[in-house]
N, C-alpha and C. Protein backbone atom coordinates (compact mmCIF):
# COMPACT_ATOMS: atom_id res chain seq x y z
N UNK A 1 0.58 -1.16 -0.25
CA UNK A 1 -0.05 -0.07 0.22
C UNK A 1 0.83 1.23 0.42
N UNK A 2 0.67 2.64 -0.83
CA UNK A 2 1.06 3.74 -0.86
C UNK A 2 1.17 4.33 0.61
N UNK A 3 1.85 5.24 0.65
CA UNK A 3 2.15 5.89 2.13
C UNK A 3 1.35 6.91 2.10
N UNK A 4 0.24 6.67 3.90
CA UNK A 4 -0.58 7.01 3.92
C UNK A 4 -0.41 8.55 4.50
N UNK A 5 -1.11 9.52 3.46
CA UNK A 5 -0.45 11.55 3.69
C UNK A 5 -1.08 11.54 5.07
N UNK A 6 -0.72 12.37 5.84
CA UNK A 6 -0.99 13.07 7.22
C UNK A 6 -1.24 14.62 7.39
N UNK A 7 -2.68 14.22 7.42
CA UNK A 7 -3.49 16.30 7.55
C UNK A 7 -3.52 16.24 9.58
N UNK A 8 -2.68 16.93 9.61
CA UNK A 8 -3.30 17.40 10.87
C UNK A 8 -4.02 19.19 10.53
N UNK A 9 -5.11 18.53 11.61
CA UNK A 9 -6.11 19.70 11.54
C UNK A 9 -5.96 21.02 12.81
N UNK A 10 -6.94 21.80 13.36
CA UNK A 10 -7.00 23.11 14.06
C UNK A 10 -5.62 22.92 14.43
N UNK A 11 -4.66 23.79 13.10
CA UNK A 11 -3.73 24.36 13.36
C UNK A 11 -3.82 25.75 13.50
N UNK A 12 -3.28 26.42 15.24
CA UNK A 12 -4.30 27.82 15.61
C UNK A 12 -2.76 28.49 15.54
N UNK A 13 -1.34 28.29 15.25
CA UNK A 13 -0.29 29.11 15.28
C UNK A 13 0.84 28.92 14.42
N UNK A 14 1.69 29.70 13.81
CA UNK A 14 2.91 28.82 13.27
C UNK A 14 3.64 27.92 14.07
N UNK A 15 3.52 28.44 15.13
CA UNK A 15 4.65 27.86 16.25
C UNK A 15 3.81 25.79 15.94
N UNK A 16 2.08 25.97 16.11
CA UNK A 16 1.87 24.55 15.64
C UNK A 16 1.74 24.05 14.56
N UNK A 17 1.84 24.72 14.13
CA UNK A 17 2.46 24.23 12.29
C UNK A 17 3.39 23.34 11.58
N UNK A 18 4.63 24.60 12.85
CA UNK A 18 5.92 23.85 12.95
C UNK A 18 6.05 22.68 13.69
N UNK A 19 5.15 22.03 14.62
CA UNK A 19 5.38 21.30 15.61
C UNK A 19 4.62 19.90 14.83
N UNK A 20 3.62 20.28 14.24
CA UNK A 20 2.65 19.49 13.35
C UNK A 20 4.35 19.02 11.44
N UNK A 21 4.47 20.21 11.34
CA UNK A 21 5.46 19.78 10.38
C UNK A 21 7.09 18.75 10.82
N UNK A 22 7.44 19.26 11.68
CA UNK A 22 8.21 18.29 12.61
C UNK A 22 8.58 16.81 13.08
N UNK A 23 7.03 16.52 13.12
CA UNK A 23 6.39 15.36 13.56
C UNK A 23 6.39 14.36 12.52
N UNK A 24 6.12 15.07 11.35
CA UNK A 24 5.55 14.38 10.37
C UNK A 24 3.87 14.65 9.30
N UNK A 25 3.61 16.15 9.22
CA UNK A 25 2.42 16.23 8.75
C UNK A 25 3.17 16.34 7.25
N UNK A 26 2.03 15.95 6.39
CA UNK A 26 2.04 16.16 5.18
C UNK A 26 1.21 17.39 4.58
N UNK A 27 0.26 17.49 5.51
CA UNK A 27 -0.63 18.94 5.02
C UNK A 27 -1.61 19.53 6.30
N UNK A 28 -1.48 20.69 6.33
CA UNK A 28 -2.25 21.02 7.58
C UNK A 28 -3.50 21.77 7.21
N UNK A 29 -3.89 21.82 8.62
CA UNK A 29 -5.58 22.48 8.57
C UNK A 29 -5.83 23.05 9.02
N UNK A 30 -6.40 24.34 8.51
CA UNK A 30 -6.38 25.82 9.10
C UNK A 30 -8.79 25.79 9.22
N UNK A 31 -8.81 26.04 10.06
CA UNK A 31 -10.75 26.54 10.50
C UNK A 31 -10.77 27.45 10.59
N UNK A 32 -11.76 28.42 9.46
CA UNK A 32 -11.72 29.54 9.85
C UNK A 32 -13.32 29.29 10.73
N UNK A 33 -14.30 30.39 10.92
CA UNK A 33 -15.67 30.13 11.40
C UNK A 33 -16.38 29.14 10.91
N UNK A 34 -17.16 28.54 12.26
CA UNK A 34 -17.58 26.87 11.85
C UNK A 34 -18.67 27.63 13.28
N UNK A 35 -20.12 26.40 12.77
CA UNK A 35 -21.68 26.59 13.69
C UNK A 35 -21.32 26.35 15.09
N UNK A 36 -19.67 25.38 14.70
CA UNK A 36 -19.97 24.40 15.98
C UNK A 36 -17.95 23.36 15.95
N UNK A 37 -17.78 23.29 16.70
CA UNK A 37 -16.49 22.40 16.39
C UNK A 37 -15.13 23.19 17.18
N UNK A 38 -14.08 22.64 17.21
CA UNK A 38 -13.19 22.76 17.86
C UNK A 38 -12.28 23.58 17.02
N UNK A 39 -11.42 24.92 16.82
CA UNK A 39 -10.11 24.98 16.32
C UNK A 39 -10.29 26.31 15.50
N UNK A 40 -11.26 27.14 15.48
CA UNK A 40 -11.57 27.96 14.47
C UNK A 40 -10.59 28.92 14.60
N UNK A 41 -9.89 29.63 14.01
CA UNK A 41 -9.52 31.21 14.16
C UNK A 41 -9.35 32.07 12.90
N UNK A 42 -8.94 33.39 13.47
CA UNK A 42 -9.56 34.59 12.07
C UNK A 42 -9.03 34.42 11.21
N UNK A 43 -9.07 34.22 9.61
CA UNK A 43 -9.07 34.57 8.48
C UNK A 43 -7.86 35.02 8.55
N UNK A 44 -7.64 36.51 9.21
CA UNK A 44 -5.98 37.36 9.48
C UNK A 44 -4.87 35.97 9.84
N UNK A 45 -5.19 35.38 10.60
CA UNK A 45 -4.63 34.30 11.07
C UNK A 45 -3.99 33.74 10.54
N UNK A 46 -5.01 32.96 9.59
CA UNK A 46 -5.18 31.52 8.74
C UNK A 46 -4.31 32.48 7.98
N UNK A 47 -4.25 33.44 7.16
CA UNK A 47 -3.31 34.04 6.23
C UNK A 47 -1.90 34.11 7.03
N UNK A 48 -1.31 34.63 7.68
CA UNK A 48 -0.32 34.44 8.40
C UNK A 48 0.81 32.93 8.46
N UNK A 49 -0.40 31.82 9.01
CA UNK A 49 0.19 30.55 8.92
C UNK A 49 0.58 29.56 8.10
N UNK A 50 -0.68 30.03 6.64
CA UNK A 50 -0.46 29.70 5.68
C UNK A 50 0.74 30.28 4.65
N UNK A 51 1.13 31.61 5.00
CA UNK A 51 2.69 31.96 4.49
C UNK A 51 3.14 31.48 4.61
N UNK A 52 3.53 31.50 6.34
CA UNK A 52 4.91 30.57 6.85
C UNK A 52 5.20 29.34 6.64
N UNK A 53 4.13 28.70 6.11
CA UNK A 53 4.36 26.97 5.83
C UNK A 53 4.38 27.04 4.44
N UNK A 54 4.48 28.08 3.28
CA UNK A 54 4.33 27.58 1.96
C UNK A 54 5.70 27.09 1.08
N UNK A 55 4.91 25.85 0.60
CA UNK A 55 6.11 25.45 0.05
C UNK A 55 6.01 24.35 0.61
N UNK A 56 6.15 23.92 1.94
CA UNK A 56 6.23 22.79 3.26
C UNK A 56 5.32 21.86 3.43
N UNK A 57 4.04 22.24 2.86
CA UNK A 57 3.15 21.40 3.03
C UNK A 57 1.99 21.84 2.41
N UNK A 58 1.15 20.78 1.76
CA UNK A 58 -0.12 21.01 1.42
C UNK A 58 -0.95 21.54 2.69
N UNK A 59 -1.85 22.90 2.06
CA UNK A 59 -1.83 23.83 3.20
C UNK A 59 -3.70 23.99 2.82
N UNK A 60 -4.61 23.64 4.05
CA UNK A 60 -6.36 23.61 3.57
C UNK A 60 -6.40 24.72 4.46
N UNK A 61 -7.74 25.07 3.86
CA UNK A 61 -8.67 26.16 4.58
C UNK A 61 -9.83 25.34 4.52
N UNK A 62 -10.75 25.49 5.59
CA UNK A 62 -11.57 24.51 5.97
C UNK A 62 -12.71 25.66 6.22
N UNK A 63 -13.76 26.02 5.31
CA UNK A 63 -14.72 26.69 5.25
C UNK A 63 -16.11 25.97 5.72
N UNK A 64 -16.95 26.89 5.79
CA UNK A 64 -18.53 26.34 6.26
C UNK A 64 -19.08 27.38 5.08
N UNK A 65 -18.60 28.32 4.57
CA UNK A 65 -19.29 29.09 3.48
C UNK A 65 -19.85 27.94 2.38
N UNK A 66 -21.37 28.57 2.11
CA UNK A 66 -21.69 27.75 0.85
C UNK A 66 -21.77 28.31 -0.36
N UNK A 67 -21.34 29.89 -0.52
CA UNK A 67 -21.70 30.54 -2.42
C UNK A 67 -20.33 30.53 -2.64
N UNK A 68 -19.99 29.91 -3.87
CA UNK A 68 -19.06 30.02 -4.42
C UNK A 68 -18.08 31.18 -4.68
N UNK A 69 -18.23 32.44 -4.40
CA UNK A 69 -18.17 33.83 -4.81
C UNK A 69 -17.53 33.94 -3.14
N UNK A 70 -18.73 33.98 -1.60
CA UNK A 70 -17.94 33.62 -0.95
C UNK A 70 -16.61 32.73 -1.07
N UNK A 71 -16.62 31.76 -0.90
CA UNK A 71 -15.70 30.87 -0.76
C UNK A 71 -14.23 31.27 -1.60
N UNK A 72 -14.29 31.57 -3.10
CA UNK A 72 -13.50 31.77 -3.91
C UNK A 72 -12.51 32.88 -3.13
N UNK A 73 -12.96 34.26 -2.58
CA UNK A 73 -13.25 35.36 -2.13
C UNK A 73 -11.95 34.95 -0.52
N UNK A 74 -12.90 34.13 -0.23
CA UNK A 74 -11.96 33.53 1.78
C UNK A 74 -10.76 33.24 1.19
N UNK A 75 -10.52 31.96 -0.37
CA UNK A 75 -9.08 31.69 -0.34
C UNK A 75 -8.04 31.76 -0.89
N UNK A 76 -8.18 32.99 -1.61
CA UNK A 76 -8.04 33.80 -2.40
C UNK A 76 -7.49 34.51 -1.13
N UNK A 77 -7.74 35.06 0.29
CA UNK A 77 -7.01 36.26 1.02
C UNK A 77 -6.32 35.28 2.04
N UNK A 78 -6.85 34.05 1.85
CA UNK A 78 -6.14 32.96 3.03
C UNK A 78 -4.73 32.86 2.67
N UNK A 79 -4.67 32.50 1.13
CA UNK A 79 -3.74 32.24 0.45
C UNK A 79 -3.20 30.33 0.43
N UNK A 80 -3.73 29.94 0.87
CA UNK A 80 -3.63 28.14 0.90
C UNK A 80 -4.11 27.82 -0.38
N UNK A 81 -3.72 26.60 -0.65
CA UNK A 81 -3.75 26.03 -1.70
C UNK A 81 -4.86 25.04 -1.86
N UNK A 82 -5.28 24.51 -0.91
CA UNK A 82 -6.35 23.49 -0.89
C UNK A 82 -7.39 24.07 0.07
N UNK A 83 -9.15 24.19 -0.70
CA UNK A 83 -10.35 24.31 -0.06
C UNK A 83 -11.00 23.19 0.43
N UNK A 84 -10.86 23.02 1.90
CA UNK A 84 -12.18 21.85 2.46
C UNK A 84 -13.38 22.72 2.68
N UNK A 85 -14.26 21.80 2.00
CA UNK A 85 -16.05 22.47 1.90
C UNK A 85 -16.20 21.57 2.25
N UNK A 86 -16.80 22.08 4.47
CA UNK A 86 -17.07 21.05 5.52
C UNK A 86 -18.78 20.79 5.39
N UNK A 87 -19.20 22.06 4.25
CA UNK A 87 -20.82 21.79 4.28
C UNK A 87 -21.32 21.06 2.80
N UNK A 88 -21.06 19.93 2.45
CA UNK A 88 -21.05 18.65 1.47
C UNK A 88 -21.54 19.94 0.04
N UNK A 89 -20.62 20.26 -0.72
CA UNK A 89 -21.74 21.49 -1.90
C UNK A 89 -22.14 20.43 -2.73
N UNK A 90 -22.55 20.91 -3.28
CA UNK A 90 -23.14 20.53 -4.53
C UNK A 90 -22.30 20.95 -5.69
N UNK A 91 -22.40 19.83 -6.71
CA UNK A 91 -21.15 20.00 -8.20
C UNK A 91 -21.34 21.08 -8.44
N UNK A 92 -22.48 21.40 -8.69
CA UNK A 92 -22.69 23.08 -9.09
C UNK A 92 -21.94 23.98 -8.59
N UNK A 93 -21.88 23.79 -7.53
CA UNK A 93 -21.10 24.75 -6.60
C UNK A 93 -19.03 24.25 -6.90
N UNK A 94 -18.78 22.95 -7.14
CA UNK A 94 -17.70 22.96 -7.29
C UNK A 94 -17.57 22.97 -8.56
N UNK A 95 -18.20 22.95 -9.65
CA UNK A 95 -17.65 23.64 -11.28
C UNK A 95 -17.60 24.85 -11.20
N UNK A 96 -18.56 25.73 -10.03
CA UNK A 96 -18.02 27.10 -10.09
C UNK A 96 -17.36 27.85 -10.03
N UNK A 97 -16.89 27.25 -8.44
CA UNK A 97 -15.34 27.33 -7.89
C UNK A 97 -14.20 27.07 -9.24
N UNK A 98 -14.39 25.89 -9.23
CA UNK A 98 -13.65 25.77 -11.02
C UNK A 98 -13.18 26.44 -11.45
N UNK A 99 -13.88 27.32 -11.52
CA UNK A 99 -14.11 28.48 -13.00
C UNK A 99 -13.91 29.80 -12.14
N UNK A 100 -13.71 29.77 -10.95
CA UNK A 100 -13.24 31.18 -10.10
C UNK A 100 -11.92 31.13 -9.62
N UNK A 101 -11.75 29.73 -8.94
CA UNK A 101 -10.23 29.62 -8.40
C UNK A 101 -9.78 28.60 -9.32
N UNK A 102 -8.75 28.50 -10.52
CA UNK A 102 -8.69 26.81 -10.51
C UNK A 102 -7.63 26.26 -10.19
N UNK A 103 -6.59 27.53 -9.67
CA UNK A 103 -5.73 26.93 -9.34
C UNK A 103 -5.90 26.04 -7.84
N UNK A 104 -6.86 25.83 -7.35
CA UNK A 104 -6.73 25.48 -6.02
C UNK A 104 -7.47 24.32 -6.03
N UNK A 105 -7.14 23.27 -5.10
CA UNK A 105 -7.68 22.09 -5.06
C UNK A 105 -9.22 22.29 -4.10
N UNK A 106 -9.63 21.26 -4.46
CA UNK A 106 -10.81 20.74 -3.93
C UNK A 106 -11.13 19.89 -3.62
N UNK A 107 -11.51 20.24 -1.86
CA UNK A 107 -11.92 18.74 -1.26
C UNK A 107 -13.34 19.27 -0.28
N UNK A 108 -13.89 18.27 -1.26
CA UNK A 108 -15.59 18.54 -0.21
C UNK A 108 -15.66 17.32 1.07
N UNK A 109 -16.32 17.65 1.94
CA UNK A 109 -16.73 16.61 2.77
C UNK A 109 -17.50 16.10 2.94
N UNK A 110 -17.71 15.32 2.96
CA UNK A 110 -18.94 13.60 3.23
C UNK A 110 -19.19 13.53 4.66
N UNK A 111 -20.12 14.18 4.64
CA UNK A 111 -20.47 13.36 6.40
C UNK A 111 -20.99 12.11 6.53
N UNK A 112 -20.55 11.10 6.88
CA UNK A 112 -20.76 9.70 6.78
C UNK A 112 -21.77 9.09 7.87
N UNK A 113 -23.16 9.24 7.52
CA UNK A 113 -23.87 9.06 8.52
C UNK A 113 -24.94 8.06 8.05
N UNK A 114 -24.18 7.22 6.91
CA UNK A 114 -25.23 5.71 6.67
C UNK A 114 -24.98 5.87 5.40
N UNK A 115 -25.98 4.42 4.33
CA UNK A 115 -25.41 4.82 2.90
C UNK A 115 -25.46 5.65 2.05
N UNK A 116 -26.51 6.58 1.97
CA UNK A 116 -26.53 7.66 1.16
C UNK A 116 -24.84 8.47 1.26
N UNK A 117 -24.32 8.53 1.68
CA UNK A 117 -23.06 8.68 1.92
C UNK A 117 -22.00 8.62 0.80
N UNK A 118 -22.52 7.17 0.31
CA UNK A 118 -21.92 6.86 -1.25
C UNK A 118 -22.39 7.16 -2.33
N UNK A 119 -23.82 7.69 -2.34
CA UNK A 119 -24.54 8.19 -3.68
C UNK A 119 -23.61 9.48 -3.57
N UNK A 120 -23.41 10.27 -2.33
CA UNK A 120 -22.67 12.13 -2.33
C UNK A 120 -21.62 11.34 -2.93
N UNK A 121 -20.74 10.57 -2.66
CA UNK A 121 -19.29 10.30 -3.10
C UNK A 121 -19.34 10.33 -4.64
N UNK A 122 -20.13 9.74 -5.04
CA UNK A 122 -20.39 9.00 -6.84
C UNK A 122 -20.43 10.51 -7.32
N UNK A 123 -21.47 11.47 -6.72
CA UNK A 123 -21.90 12.54 -7.58
C UNK A 123 -20.53 13.57 -7.50
N UNK A 124 -19.91 13.77 -6.46
CA UNK A 124 -19.21 14.61 -6.13
C UNK A 124 -17.91 14.34 -6.46
N UNK A 125 -17.05 13.28 -7.05
CA UNK A 125 -16.19 12.84 -6.86
C UNK A 125 -15.29 13.13 -8.04
N UNK A 126 -16.46 12.95 -9.71
CA UNK A 126 -15.88 14.16 -10.77
C UNK A 126 -15.39 14.80 -10.82
N UNK A 127 -16.32 16.10 -9.79
CA UNK A 127 -16.27 17.43 -9.87
C UNK A 127 -15.13 17.91 -8.83
N UNK A 128 -14.49 16.87 -8.21
CA UNK A 128 -13.30 17.18 -7.24
C UNK A 128 -12.04 16.80 -7.11
N UNK A 129 -11.08 17.27 -6.44
CA UNK A 129 -9.64 16.79 -6.51
C UNK A 129 -9.82 15.65 -5.95
N UNK A 130 -10.15 15.37 -4.54
CA UNK A 130 -10.18 14.35 -3.44
C UNK A 130 -11.64 14.81 -2.32
N UNK A 131 -11.49 13.81 -2.04
CA UNK A 131 -13.17 13.71 -1.25
C UNK A 131 -12.53 13.58 0.51
N UNK A 132 -13.01 13.97 1.08
CA UNK A 132 -12.90 13.90 2.55
C UNK A 132 -14.31 13.49 3.53
N UNK A 133 -13.90 12.20 4.17
CA UNK A 133 -15.08 11.58 4.89
C UNK A 133 -14.93 11.75 6.58
N UNK A 134 -16.04 12.31 6.66
CA UNK A 134 -16.06 13.04 8.42
C UNK A 134 -17.15 12.35 8.79
N UNK A 135 -17.22 12.48 10.41
CA UNK A 135 -18.41 11.90 11.02
C UNK A 135 -19.40 13.28 11.91
N UNK A 136 -19.49 14.15 10.98
CA UNK A 136 -20.53 15.55 11.37
C UNK A 136 -21.72 15.13 10.87
N UNK A 137 -22.63 16.38 11.60
CA UNK A 137 -24.37 15.89 11.21
C UNK A 137 -24.75 17.24 10.85
N UNK A 138 -24.76 17.72 9.76
CA UNK A 138 -24.78 19.00 8.85
C UNK A 138 -26.56 19.29 10.34
N UNK A 139 -27.51 18.03 10.30
CA UNK A 139 -28.71 18.36 10.34
C UNK A 139 -28.85 18.35 12.07
N UNK A 140 -28.13 18.58 12.82
CA UNK A 140 -28.40 18.40 14.06
C UNK A 140 -28.66 20.22 14.70
N UNK A 141 -29.49 20.33 16.02
CA UNK A 141 -29.92 21.85 16.24
C UNK A 141 -28.90 23.07 15.87
N UNK A 142 -27.69 22.19 16.65
CA UNK A 142 -26.43 23.29 16.20
C UNK A 142 -25.10 22.28 15.33
N UNK A 143 -25.06 23.19 14.17
CA UNK A 143 -24.67 21.72 13.04
C UNK A 143 -23.13 21.80 13.18
N UNK A 144 -23.03 20.43 13.05
CA UNK A 144 -21.77 19.80 13.13
C UNK A 144 -21.08 19.01 11.67
N UNK A 145 -20.33 20.16 11.57
CA UNK A 145 -19.63 19.98 10.29
C UNK A 145 -17.81 19.62 10.16
N UNK A 146 -17.92 19.10 11.68
CA UNK A 146 -16.24 18.47 11.80
C UNK A 146 -16.02 18.56 13.05
N UNK A 147 -15.16 17.72 13.62
CA UNK A 147 -14.20 18.21 14.46
C UNK A 147 -15.22 17.87 16.00
N UNK A 148 -15.76 16.51 15.50
CA UNK A 148 -16.48 15.96 16.84
C UNK A 148 -16.47 14.99 17.57
N UNK A 149 -14.84 14.73 17.05
CA UNK A 149 -13.85 13.08 17.47
C UNK A 149 -14.71 11.87 17.77
N UNK A 150 -15.60 11.70 16.75
CA UNK A 150 -16.63 10.28 16.56
C UNK A 150 -15.91 9.41 15.78
N UNK A 151 -16.23 8.55 15.46
CA UNK A 151 -15.76 7.86 14.82
C UNK A 151 -17.35 7.65 14.06
N UNK A 152 -17.13 7.23 12.63
CA UNK A 152 -18.13 6.73 11.48
C UNK A 152 -17.89 5.33 11.03
N UNK A 153 -19.49 4.53 11.00
CA UNK A 153 -19.00 3.45 10.39
C UNK A 153 -17.98 2.80 8.93
N UNK A 154 -16.38 2.52 9.04
CA UNK A 154 -15.44 2.74 8.16
C UNK A 154 -15.94 1.67 7.13
N UNK A 155 -17.15 0.42 7.48
CA UNK A 155 -17.20 -0.10 6.19
C UNK A 155 -17.85 0.45 5.15
N UNK A 156 -18.43 2.08 5.26
CA UNK A 156 -18.79 2.62 4.32
C UNK A 156 -17.70 3.18 3.80
N UNK A 157 -17.22 3.70 4.57
CA UNK A 157 -15.98 4.48 4.31
C UNK A 157 -15.11 3.98 3.07
N UNK A 158 -14.83 2.37 3.25
CA UNK A 158 -14.21 1.71 2.22
C UNK A 158 -14.75 1.27 1.21
N UNK A 159 -16.22 1.37 0.99
CA UNK A 159 -16.75 1.39 -0.23
C UNK A 159 -16.62 2.54 -0.81
N UNK A 160 -17.11 3.91 -0.25
CA UNK A 160 -16.56 4.85 -1.12
C UNK A 160 -15.01 4.86 -1.59
N UNK A 161 -14.34 4.48 -1.28
CA UNK A 161 -12.63 4.34 -1.29
C UNK A 161 -13.18 4.00 -2.73
N UNK A 162 -13.28 2.47 -2.76
CA UNK A 162 -13.49 1.34 -3.96
C UNK A 162 -14.63 2.10 -4.83
N UNK A 163 -15.62 2.96 -4.81
CA UNK A 163 -16.45 3.37 -5.92
C UNK A 163 -16.01 4.84 -6.54
N UNK A 164 -14.98 5.65 -5.64
CA UNK A 164 -14.27 6.50 -6.68
C UNK A 164 -13.19 6.73 -6.78
N UNK A 165 -12.84 5.67 -6.65
CA UNK A 165 -11.06 4.91 -6.93
C UNK A 165 -10.97 5.89 -8.45
N UNK A 166 -10.16 6.37 -9.30
CA UNK A 166 -8.98 7.00 -8.47
C UNK A 166 -8.73 8.27 -7.86
N UNK A 167 -9.80 8.51 -7.18
CA UNK A 167 -10.02 9.83 -6.71
C UNK A 167 -9.63 9.36 -5.30
N UNK A 168 -9.17 10.46 -4.78
CA UNK A 168 -8.06 10.28 -3.59
C UNK A 168 -9.26 10.35 -2.09
N UNK A 169 -9.14 9.55 -1.14
CA UNK A 169 -9.77 9.81 -0.44
C UNK A 169 -9.29 10.38 1.28
N UNK A 170 -9.54 11.31 2.15
CA UNK A 170 -9.12 11.32 2.84
C UNK A 170 -10.00 11.14 4.09
N UNK A 171 -9.52 10.26 5.13
CA UNK A 171 -10.46 9.55 6.53
C UNK A 171 -10.26 10.75 7.44
N UNK A 172 -11.41 11.14 7.84
CA UNK A 172 -11.26 11.59 9.73
C UNK A 172 -12.35 11.21 9.93
N UNK A 173 -12.37 11.65 11.50
CA UNK A 173 -13.51 11.22 12.38
C UNK A 173 -13.47 10.36 13.73
N UNK A 174 -12.76 11.04 14.54
CA UNK A 174 -12.31 10.09 15.51
C UNK A 174 -11.40 9.52 15.72
N UNK A 175 -10.56 9.43 14.99
CA UNK A 175 -9.08 8.92 15.20
C UNK A 175 -8.10 9.73 15.90
N UNK A 176 -7.05 8.30 16.40
CA UNK A 176 -5.96 8.44 17.14
C UNK A 176 -5.26 7.34 17.42
N UNK A 177 -4.07 7.28 18.11
CA UNK A 177 -3.04 6.89 17.91
C UNK A 177 -3.40 5.16 18.27
N UNK A 178 -4.78 5.52 18.74
CA UNK A 178 -4.63 3.66 19.42
C UNK A 178 -6.17 3.07 18.44
N UNK A 179 -6.29 3.76 16.94
CA UNK A 179 -6.71 3.01 15.92
C UNK A 179 -6.95 3.36 14.46
N UNK A 180 -6.28 4.19 14.62
CA UNK A 180 -5.77 4.85 13.75
C UNK A 180 -4.73 3.65 12.63
N UNK A 181 -4.07 2.48 12.96
CA UNK A 181 -3.59 1.63 12.25
C UNK A 181 -4.86 0.72 12.01
N UNK A 182 -6.18 0.61 12.65
CA UNK A 182 -6.77 -0.26 12.24
C UNK A 182 -8.13 0.49 11.31
N UNK A 183 -8.29 2.04 11.25
CA UNK A 183 -8.77 2.30 10.54
C UNK A 183 -8.28 2.49 8.63
N UNK A 184 -7.07 2.16 9.17
CA UNK A 184 -5.90 2.30 7.52
C UNK A 184 -6.60 1.11 7.07
N UNK A 185 -6.36 -0.11 7.46
CA UNK A 185 -6.67 -1.42 7.30
C UNK A 185 -7.66 -1.46 6.81
N UNK A 186 -9.12 -0.59 7.33
CA UNK A 186 -10.52 -1.45 7.10
C UNK A 186 -10.63 -0.42 5.90
N UNK A 187 -10.22 1.14 5.71
CA UNK A 187 -10.69 1.83 4.33
C UNK A 187 -9.66 2.34 3.66
N UNK A 188 -8.44 1.85 3.43
CA UNK A 188 -7.59 1.78 2.58
C UNK A 188 -7.61 3.32 1.81
N UNK A 189 -7.50 4.18 2.63
CA UNK A 189 -7.62 5.99 2.28
C UNK A 189 -5.96 6.11 1.83
N UNK A 190 -6.15 7.28 0.86
CA UNK A 190 -5.44 7.77 0.39
C UNK A 190 -4.63 8.61 1.33
N UNK A 191 -5.22 9.22 2.32
CA UNK A 191 -5.04 10.09 3.68
C UNK A 191 -5.43 10.23 5.07
N UNK A 192 -5.02 10.43 6.33
CA UNK A 192 -6.02 10.48 6.66
C UNK A 192 -5.83 12.30 7.73
N UNK A 193 -7.00 12.21 8.46
CA UNK A 193 -6.86 13.42 9.07
C UNK A 193 -7.38 13.42 10.43
N UNK A 194 -6.42 14.28 11.32
CA UNK A 194 -6.71 13.97 12.80
C UNK A 194 -6.73 15.39 13.46
N UNK A 195 -7.61 15.80 14.45
CA UNK A 195 -7.85 17.07 15.06
C UNK A 195 -7.57 16.82 16.88
N UNK A 196 -9.11 16.29 16.97
CA UNK A 196 -9.19 16.51 18.67
C UNK A 196 -8.01 14.94 18.91
N UNK A 197 -8.27 14.19 18.17
CA UNK A 197 -6.88 12.97 18.39
C UNK A 197 -5.47 13.09 18.78
N UNK A 198 -4.97 14.63 18.99
CA UNK A 198 -4.09 15.13 19.31
C UNK A 198 -3.33 16.34 19.49
N UNK A 199 -5.10 16.28 20.79
CA UNK A 199 -4.50 17.90 21.56
C UNK A 199 -5.19 17.41 22.92
N UNK A 200 -4.19 18.25 23.75
CA UNK A 200 -4.51 18.13 25.40
C UNK A 200 -5.17 19.66 25.47
N UNK A 201 -6.17 19.78 26.35
CA UNK A 201 -6.76 21.17 26.71
C UNK A 201 -6.48 21.94 25.32
N UNK A 202 -7.22 21.84 24.27
CA UNK A 202 -7.06 22.78 22.97
C UNK A 202 -5.41 22.77 22.06
N UNK A 203 -4.91 22.20 22.61
CA UNK A 203 -3.67 22.56 22.18
C UNK A 203 -3.15 21.32 21.57
N UNK A 204 -2.21 21.86 20.50
CA UNK A 204 -1.55 20.36 19.67
C UNK A 204 -0.94 20.03 21.16
N UNK A 205 -1.01 18.35 21.06
CA UNK A 205 0.19 17.38 21.75
C UNK A 205 1.19 16.94 21.42
N UNK A 206 2.59 17.26 21.17
CA UNK A 206 3.46 16.85 20.59
C UNK A 206 3.81 15.10 21.16
N UNK A 207 2.91 15.05 22.04
CA UNK A 207 2.97 13.67 22.13
C UNK A 207 2.62 12.83 21.89
N UNK A 208 1.33 13.39 21.37
CA UNK A 208 0.44 12.70 21.33
C UNK A 208 0.36 12.49 19.66
N UNK A 209 0.61 13.55 19.39
CA UNK A 209 1.02 13.30 17.52
C UNK A 209 2.38 12.22 17.23
N UNK A 210 3.18 12.04 18.20
CA UNK A 210 4.59 11.86 17.78
C UNK A 210 3.47 10.27 17.81
N UNK A 211 3.02 9.44 18.65
CA UNK A 211 2.13 8.41 18.94
C UNK A 211 1.38 7.83 17.57
N UNK A 212 0.40 9.33 17.24
CA UNK A 212 -0.30 8.94 16.34
C UNK A 212 0.48 8.47 15.19
N UNK A 213 1.39 9.22 15.03
CA UNK A 213 2.40 8.90 13.60
C UNK A 213 3.17 7.67 13.89
N UNK A 214 3.46 7.40 14.87
CA UNK A 214 3.97 5.86 14.90
C UNK A 214 2.60 4.85 14.84
N UNK A 215 1.68 4.78 15.26
CA UNK A 215 0.32 4.54 14.74
C UNK A 215 0.36 4.08 13.46
N UNK A 216 -0.07 5.32 12.60
CA UNK A 216 -0.09 5.38 11.31
C UNK A 216 0.63 4.71 10.57
N UNK A 217 2.40 4.92 10.90
CA UNK A 217 3.61 4.41 9.93
C UNK A 217 3.26 3.02 10.13
N UNK A 218 2.81 2.23 11.00
CA UNK A 218 2.86 0.72 11.10
C UNK A 218 2.34 -0.18 10.03
N UNK A 219 1.14 1.13 9.29
CA UNK A 219 0.77 0.38 8.03
C UNK A 219 1.13 0.90 6.79
N UNK A 220 2.60 1.52 6.53
CA UNK A 220 3.21 1.63 5.50
C UNK A 220 4.04 0.58 4.60
């Protein structure tokens, strides 16, 4: 199996970014305003960290915006090379973004709550550069668009990976040092995405991240 990429999300500062890169991150996630969940930072701070890490990692802007014009403006200001659309977009929105920001990598999120995720993935994969499978609940009273710390049904995620190949799939949702190897064996994603599983008191924990990387790399 090819080396699984590691995305460390909820990066809050240049110091956290440097820590994540030193321990083995291939990609960094910066969370903008969200209806719920951990890690949001001001857009201006995202731009600072994105500039500081240019050329050293794939840099993801996580946005809950839904209008293509708004998303395009936000990603241009952030200076990231990738946008992660946490409120599952339509194919039409992805096509519009492709025209507005043609050099940006588009990664829509699918919140895996049941078999319907497979149909969503099939519809979005042809318009996307990669998909990210997470464990949110957009229909909750306070919308959950990521950062829940919950796992979902990895059997469905594995079906998605097979169904959308060769489109890359990142796996998120409740991953920790003690379950990431099992998750990779079950799903065979191109990459994994972690936030709460490597944090203590809201801060990136280098010990937890090192343990997570060790667990992940047992599957390389």
